[in-house]
Amino acid sequence: MKQQVLVLYLNTSGLDSEVLAWSFYDGTGTTNPTTGDSDLPPYDTGTEALRDGWRLFQASQLVPPYPGHEYDTSFLKHEFWFEKLE
């Protein structure tokens, strides 16, 4: 059994929010994904990934912005890690 990992960066902390960015890693060796493979995300929301059989195994911690820095540009905060075993 080998693992596939899907990382979705969502617009908010809710799994039903829009996917802004993503990464896919295939431990099965059947595909060889790379950056820029597609302009369209594999799913529109995190809940769509769950319905398709992906298992959520990690969600990023919600950390409030430091006062006065609410609008600073930074990393994508709402990161969700999914897996499938093939």
N, C-alpha and C. Protein backbone atom coordinates (compact mmCIF):
# COMPACT_ATOMS: atom_id res chain seq x y z
N MET A 1 0.84 -1.17 0.00
CA MET A 1 0.00 0.00 0.00
C MET A 1 0.89 1.24 0.00
N LYS A 2 0.57 2.20 -0.87
CA LYS A 2 1.36 3.43 -0.98
C LYS A 2 0.46 4.64 -0.79
N GLN A 3 1.07 5.74 -0.41
CA GLN A 3 0.33 6.94 -0.03
C GLN A 3 0.37 8.01 -1.11
N GLN A 4 -0.78 8.65 -1.32
CA GLN A 4 -0.87 9.88 -2.11
C GLN A 4 -1.24 10.99 -1.14
N VAL A 5 -0.63 12.16 -1.31
CA VAL A 5 -0.88 13.29 -0.41
C VAL A 5 -1.34 14.48 -1.24
N LEU A 6 -2.41 15.10 -0.76
CA LEU A 6 -2.98 16.30 -1.39
C LEU A 6 -3.01 17.40 -0.34
N VAL A 7 -2.40 18.54 -0.65
CA VAL A 7 -2.40 19.69 0.25
C VAL A 7 -3.25 20.77 -0.40
N LEU A 8 -4.31 21.18 0.29
CA LEU A 8 -5.18 22.24 -0.22
C LEU A 8 -5.04 23.46 0.68
N TYR A 9 -4.87 24.61 0.06
CA TYR A 9 -4.82 25.89 0.77
C TYR A 9 -6.15 26.58 0.49
N LEU A 10 -6.97 26.73 1.53
CA LEU A 10 -8.32 27.25 1.37
C LEU A 10 -8.42 28.73 1.72
N ASN A 11 -9.49 29.36 1.26
CA ASN A 11 -9.70 30.78 1.47
C ASN A 11 -9.96 31.11 2.94
N THR A 12 -10.64 30.21 3.66
CA THR A 12 -10.90 30.40 5.09
C THR A 12 -10.60 29.09 5.82
N SER A 13 -10.87 29.05 7.10
CA SER A 13 -10.62 27.83 7.88
C SER A 13 -11.69 26.77 7.70
N GLY A 14 -12.77 27.09 6.99
CA GLY A 14 -13.84 26.12 6.75
C GLY A 14 -13.51 25.20 5.59
N LEU A 15 -13.72 23.90 5.76
CA LEU A 15 -13.44 22.95 4.68
C LEU A 15 -14.31 23.18 3.45
N ASP A 16 -15.40 23.90 3.61
CA ASP A 16 -16.28 24.16 2.48
C ASP A 16 -15.92 25.46 1.74
N SER A 17 -14.77 26.04 2.06
CA SER A 17 -14.36 27.28 1.38
C SER A 17 -13.54 26.97 0.13
N GLU A 18 -13.37 27.98 -0.69
CA GLU A 18 -12.71 27.87 -1.99
C GLU A 18 -11.22 27.51 -1.89
N VAL A 19 -10.78 26.63 -2.80
CA VAL A 19 -9.36 26.27 -2.89
C VAL A 19 -8.61 27.39 -3.61
N LEU A 20 -7.56 27.91 -2.98
CA LEU A 20 -6.74 28.98 -3.57
C LEU A 20 -5.47 28.42 -4.21
N ALA A 21 -4.91 27.37 -3.61
CA ALA A 21 -3.67 26.77 -4.11
C ALA A 21 -3.64 25.32 -3.65
N TRP A 22 -2.77 24.52 -4.28
CA TRP A 22 -2.71 23.10 -3.93
C TRP A 22 -1.38 22.50 -4.33
N SER A 23 -1.09 21.34 -3.73
CA SER A 23 0.07 20.53 -4.08
C SER A 23 -0.36 19.07 -4.04
N PHE A 24 0.22 18.26 -4.89
CA PHE A 24 -0.11 16.83 -4.94
C PHE A 24 1.18 16.03 -5.02
N TYR A 25 1.28 15.00 -4.20
CA TYR A 25 2.45 14.13 -4.17
C TYR A 25 1.96 12.69 -4.31
N ASP A 26 2.53 11.95 -5.24
CA ASP A 26 2.08 10.59 -5.53
C ASP A 26 3.15 9.57 -5.19
N GLY A 27 2.97 8.92 -4.05
CA GLY A 27 3.91 7.88 -3.63
C GLY A 27 3.72 6.57 -4.36
N THR A 28 2.67 6.46 -5.18
CA THR A 28 2.44 5.21 -5.91
C THR A 28 3.32 5.12 -7.15
N GLY A 29 3.79 6.28 -7.65
CA GLY A 29 4.62 6.30 -8.85
C GLY A 29 3.83 6.25 -10.14
N THR A 30 2.49 6.26 -10.06
CA THR A 30 1.69 6.20 -11.29
C THR A 30 1.58 7.54 -11.99
N THR A 31 1.77 8.63 -11.25
CA THR A 31 1.79 9.96 -11.87
C THR A 31 3.05 10.68 -11.41
N ASN A 32 3.41 11.72 -12.14
CA ASN A 32 4.59 12.50 -11.81
C ASN A 32 4.23 13.99 -11.84
N PRO A 33 3.42 14.45 -10.87
CA PRO A 33 2.97 15.84 -10.89
C PRO A 33 4.11 16.81 -10.66
N THR A 34 3.94 18.01 -11.21
CA THR A 34 4.92 19.07 -11.01
C THR A 34 4.20 20.41 -10.94
N THR A 35 4.87 21.43 -10.49
CA THR A 35 4.29 22.76 -10.36
C THR A 35 3.80 23.26 -11.71
N GLY A 36 2.60 23.81 -11.71
CA GLY A 36 2.05 24.39 -12.93
C GLY A 36 1.41 23.39 -13.87
N ASP A 37 1.12 22.17 -13.39
CA ASP A 37 0.46 21.17 -14.24
C ASP A 37 -0.91 21.63 -14.72
N SER A 38 -1.59 22.40 -13.88
CA SER A 38 -2.95 22.80 -14.21
C SER A 38 -3.26 24.16 -13.60
N ASP A 39 -4.12 24.91 -14.28
CA ASP A 39 -4.59 26.18 -13.74
C ASP A 39 -5.81 25.98 -12.85
N LEU A 40 -6.40 24.78 -12.92
CA LEU A 40 -7.61 24.49 -12.16
C LEU A 40 -7.28 23.56 -11.00
N PRO A 41 -7.79 23.85 -9.80
CA PRO A 41 -7.53 22.96 -8.66
C PRO A 41 -8.24 21.62 -8.86
N PRO A 42 -7.74 20.55 -8.23
CA PRO A 42 -8.37 19.25 -8.39
C PRO A 42 -9.78 19.21 -7.78
N TYR A 43 -10.05 20.07 -6.81
CA TYR A 43 -11.36 20.18 -6.16
C TYR A 43 -11.64 21.65 -5.92
N ASP A 44 -12.93 22.02 -5.89
CA ASP A 44 -13.30 23.40 -5.60
C ASP A 44 -13.25 23.72 -4.12
N THR A 45 -13.47 22.70 -3.27
CA THR A 45 -13.47 22.88 -1.82
C THR A 45 -12.82 21.67 -1.16
N GLY A 46 -12.54 21.79 0.12
CA GLY A 46 -12.02 20.66 0.87
C GLY A 46 -13.05 19.56 1.06
N THR A 47 -14.31 19.93 1.19
CA THR A 47 -15.35 18.91 1.36
C THR A 47 -15.51 18.05 0.10
N GLU A 48 -15.26 18.61 -1.08
CA GLU A 48 -15.29 17.80 -2.30
C GLU A 48 -14.22 16.72 -2.27
N ALA A 49 -13.06 17.05 -1.74
CA ALA A 49 -11.98 16.05 -1.62
C ALA A 49 -12.40 14.94 -0.66
N LEU A 50 -13.06 15.29 0.45
CA LEU A 50 -13.54 14.29 1.39
C LEU A 50 -14.55 13.36 0.72
N ARG A 51 -15.47 13.93 -0.05
CA ARG A 51 -16.48 13.12 -0.73
C ARG A 51 -15.87 12.18 -1.76
N ASP A 52 -14.70 12.54 -2.27
CA ASP A 52 -14.03 11.72 -3.27
C ASP A 52 -13.10 10.66 -2.64
N GLY A 53 -13.13 10.56 -1.32
CA GLY A 53 -12.36 9.51 -0.67
C GLY A 53 -11.05 9.93 -0.04
N TRP A 54 -10.68 11.21 -0.11
CA TRP A 54 -9.47 11.69 0.55
C TRP A 54 -9.73 11.78 2.05
N ARG A 55 -8.76 11.37 2.85
CA ARG A 55 -8.87 11.43 4.30
C ARG A 55 -8.07 12.61 4.83
N LEU A 56 -8.73 13.47 5.59
CA LEU A 56 -8.07 14.63 6.19
C LEU A 56 -7.23 14.14 7.37
N PHE A 57 -5.93 14.48 7.37
CA PHE A 57 -5.11 14.08 8.51
C PHE A 57 -4.41 15.23 9.20
N GLN A 58 -4.48 16.43 8.65
CA GLN A 58 -3.89 17.57 9.35
C GLN A 58 -4.51 18.86 8.85
N ALA A 59 -4.76 19.77 9.78
CA ALA A 59 -5.23 21.12 9.46
C ALA A 59 -4.32 22.10 10.19
N SER A 60 -4.02 23.21 9.56
CA SER A 60 -3.11 24.18 10.20
C SER A 60 -3.78 24.83 11.40
N GLN A 61 -2.96 25.18 12.36
CA GLN A 61 -3.42 25.86 13.56
C GLN A 61 -3.89 27.26 13.21
N LEU A 62 -4.99 27.68 13.82
CA LEU A 62 -5.49 29.04 13.60
C LEU A 62 -4.76 29.99 14.53
N VAL A 63 -3.99 30.89 13.94
CA VAL A 63 -3.21 31.84 14.72
C VAL A 63 -3.67 33.25 14.34
N PRO A 64 -4.16 34.02 15.32
CA PRO A 64 -4.61 35.37 15.01
C PRO A 64 -3.43 36.26 14.64
N PRO A 65 -3.66 37.23 13.75
CA PRO A 65 -2.57 38.15 13.40
C PRO A 65 -2.20 39.05 14.57
N TYR A 66 -0.96 39.45 14.59
CA TYR A 66 -0.49 40.39 15.60
C TYR A 66 -1.21 41.73 15.38
N PRO A 67 -1.67 42.38 16.46
CA PRO A 67 -2.39 43.65 16.29
C PRO A 67 -1.61 44.66 15.44
N GLY A 68 -2.33 45.23 14.47
CA GLY A 68 -1.72 46.18 13.56
C GLY A 68 -1.18 45.54 12.29
N HIS A 69 -1.19 44.21 12.23
CA HIS A 69 -0.67 43.49 11.06
C HIS A 69 -1.73 42.62 10.40
N GLU A 70 -2.98 42.97 10.59
CA GLU A 70 -4.08 42.17 10.07
C GLU A 70 -4.07 42.07 8.54
N TYR A 71 -3.50 43.04 7.86
CA TYR A 71 -3.54 43.06 6.39
C TYR A 71 -2.18 42.84 5.75
N ASP A 72 -1.21 42.41 6.52
CA ASP A 72 0.11 42.10 5.96
C ASP A 72 0.03 40.84 5.09
N THR A 73 0.81 40.84 4.03
CA THR A 73 0.90 39.66 3.19
C THR A 73 1.85 38.67 3.84
N SER A 74 1.46 37.39 3.82
CA SER A 74 2.25 36.38 4.49
C SER A 74 2.00 35.04 3.81
N PHE A 75 2.27 33.94 4.51
CA PHE A 75 2.03 32.59 3.99
C PHE A 75 0.53 32.32 3.91
N LEU A 76 0.16 31.26 3.20
CA LEU A 76 -1.24 30.85 3.13
C LEU A 76 -1.60 30.12 4.42
N LYS A 77 -2.54 30.66 5.16
CA LYS A 77 -2.78 30.22 6.53
C LYS A 77 -3.67 28.99 6.67
N HIS A 78 -4.53 28.74 5.73
CA HIS A 78 -5.53 27.68 5.90
C HIS A 78 -5.15 26.46 5.06
N GLU A 79 -4.22 25.69 5.61
CA GLU A 79 -3.61 24.55 4.92
C GLU A 79 -4.21 23.25 5.46
N PHE A 80 -4.67 22.40 4.55
CA PHE A 80 -5.27 21.11 4.92
C PHE A 80 -4.56 19.99 4.16
N TRP A 81 -4.16 18.95 4.90
CA TRP A 81 -3.45 17.81 4.32
C TRP A 81 -4.39 16.62 4.25
N PHE A 82 -4.48 16.01 3.07
CA PHE A 82 -5.32 14.83 2.84
C PHE A 82 -4.44 13.69 2.34
N GLU A 83 -4.93 12.46 2.53
CA GLU A 83 -4.22 11.31 2.02
C GLU A 83 -5.19 10.28 1.44
N LYS A 84 -4.67 9.50 0.51
CA LYS A 84 -5.33 8.31 -0.01
C LYS A 84 -4.29 7.20 0.02
N LEU A 85 -4.72 6.01 0.37
CA LEU A 85 -3.81 4.84 0.33
C LEU A 85 -4.21 4.00 -0.86
N GLU A 86 -3.26 3.74 -1.73
CA GLU A 86 -3.51 2.96 -2.96
C GLU A 86 -2.75 1.66 -2.90
